[in-house]
Amino acid sequence: MNILLDTHAFLWLRNAPEKIPEQVLAAYYDINNGIFLSVVSIWEMQIKHQESSTLHYRLVH
């Protein structure tokens, strides 16, 4: 089975797997499944990172 992760699922799998249902975790860790992340998710994470960096810069300077 091929699985396309959305941005939140990807981040939760990496940082807070307790938020993911056991059935989903089992599918994620099954080596027979292909796991994919959209380029749009990479873009979204970059935007959020830039926003937080800009906010940090404004608060510090």
C-alpha atoms as a PDB file:
ATOM      1  CA  MET A   1       0.000   0.000   0.000  1.00  0.00           C
ATOM      2  CA  ASN A   2       1.208   3.534  -0.707  1.00  0.00           C
ATOM      3  CA  ILE A   3       0.677   6.104   2.028  1.00  0.00           C
ATOM      4  CA  LEU A   4       0.783   9.862   1.427  1.00  0.00           C
ATOM      5  CA  LEU A   5       1.382  11.715   4.691  1.00  0.00           C
ATOM      6  CA  ASP A   6       0.064  15.186   5.276  1.00  0.00           C
ATOM      7  CA  THR A   7       2.251  17.698   7.079  1.00  0.00           C
ATOM      8  CA  HIS A   8       0.742  17.190  10.544  1.00  0.00           C
ATOM      9  CA  ALA A   9       0.946  13.407  10.335  1.00  0.00           C
ATOM     10  CA  PHE A  10       4.587  13.611   9.262  1.00  0.00           C
ATOM     11  CA  LEU A  11       5.506  15.952  12.117  1.00  0.00           C
ATOM     12  CA  TRP A  12       3.573  13.914  14.677  1.00  0.00           C
ATOM     13  CA  LEU A  13       5.212  10.684  13.515  1.00  0.00           C
ATOM     14  CA  ARG A  14       8.622  12.281  14.027  1.00  0.00           C
ATOM     15  CA  ASN A  15       7.940  14.315  17.187  1.00  0.00           C
ATOM     16  CA  ALA A  16       4.795  13.043  18.934  1.00  0.00           C
ATOM     17  CA  PRO A  17       3.940   9.494  17.792  1.00  0.00           C
ATOM     18  CA  GLU A  18       1.580   9.110  20.756  1.00  0.00           C
ATOM     19  CA  LYS A  19      -0.866  11.325  18.817  1.00  0.00           C
ATOM     20  CA  ILE A  20      -1.078   8.744  16.016  1.00  0.00           C
ATOM     21  CA  PRO A  21      -3.527   5.800  16.276  1.00  0.00           C
ATOM     22  CA  GLU A  22      -1.900   2.364  16.595  1.00  0.00           C
ATOM     23  CA  GLN A  23      -3.375   1.186  13.277  1.00  0.00           C
ATOM     24  CA  VAL A  24      -1.759   4.112  11.472  1.00  0.00           C
ATOM     25  CA  LEU A  25       1.579   3.515  13.202  1.00  0.00           C
ATOM     26  CA  ALA A  26       1.458  -0.131  12.167  1.00  0.00           C
ATOM     27  CA  ALA A  27       0.898   0.885   8.539  1.00  0.00           C
ATOM     28  CA  TYR A  28       3.714   3.442   8.763  1.00  0.00           C
ATOM     29  CA  TYR A  29       6.236   0.931  10.124  1.00  0.00           C
ATOM     30  CA  ASP A  30       5.197  -1.875   7.748  1.00  0.00           C
ATOM     31  CA  ILE A  31       8.157  -2.261   5.364  1.00  0.00           C
ATOM     32  CA  ASN A  32       5.784  -3.404   2.609  1.00  0.00           C
ATOM     33  CA  ASN A  33       4.166   0.041   2.477  1.00  0.00           C
ATOM     34  CA  GLY A  34       5.549   2.985   0.546  1.00  0.00           C
ATOM     35  CA  ILE A  35       5.589   6.225   2.554  1.00  0.00           C
ATOM     36  CA  PHE A  36       5.414   9.505   0.659  1.00  0.00           C
ATOM     37  CA  LEU A  37       5.460  13.156   1.631  1.00  0.00           C
ATOM     38  CA  SER A  38       4.191  15.796  -0.767  1.00  0.00           C
ATOM     39  CA  VAL A  39       6.490  18.555  -1.951  1.00  0.00           C
ATOM     40  CA  VAL A  40       3.741  20.882  -0.743  1.00  0.00           C
ATOM     41  CA  SER A  41       4.372  19.640   2.808  1.00  0.00           C
ATOM     42  CA  ILE A  42       8.059  20.550   2.501  1.00  0.00           C
ATOM     43  CA  TRP A  43       7.030  23.983   1.243  1.00  0.00           C
ATOM     44  CA  GLU A  44       4.538  24.392   4.111  1.00  0.00           C
ATOM     45  CA  MET A  45       7.158  23.473   6.720  1.00  0.00           C
ATOM     46  CA  GLN A  46       9.634  25.934   5.197  1.00  0.00           C
ATOM     47  CA  ILE A  47       7.056  28.736   5.350  1.00  0.00           C
ATOM     48  CA  LYS A  48       6.267  27.943   8.997  1.00  0.00           C
ATOM     49  CA  HIS A  49       9.977  27.840   9.806  1.00  0.00           C
ATOM     50  CA  GLN A  50      10.548  31.220   8.150  1.00  0.00           C
ATOM     51  CA  GLU A  51       7.562  32.715   9.987  1.00  0.00           C
ATOM     52  CA  SER A  52       8.846  31.496  13.349  1.00  0.00           C
ATOM     53  CA  SER A  53      12.379  32.730  12.564  1.00  0.00           C
ATOM     54  CA  THR A  54      11.009  36.148  11.595  1.00  0.00           C
ATOM     55  CA  LEU A  55       8.923  36.303  14.761  1.00  0.00           C
ATOM     56  CA  HIS A  56      11.944  35.299  16.871  1.00  0.00           C
ATOM     57  CA  TYR A  57      14.032  37.987  15.143  1.00  0.00           C
ATOM     58  CA  ARG A  58      11.377  40.635  15.876  1.00  0.00           C
ATOM     59  CA  LEU A  59      11.131  39.588  19.543  1.00  0.00           C
ATOM     60  CA  VAL A  60      14.892  39.528  20.089  1.00  0.00           C
ATOM     61  CA  HIS A  61      15.888  42.657  18.145  1.00  0.00           C
END
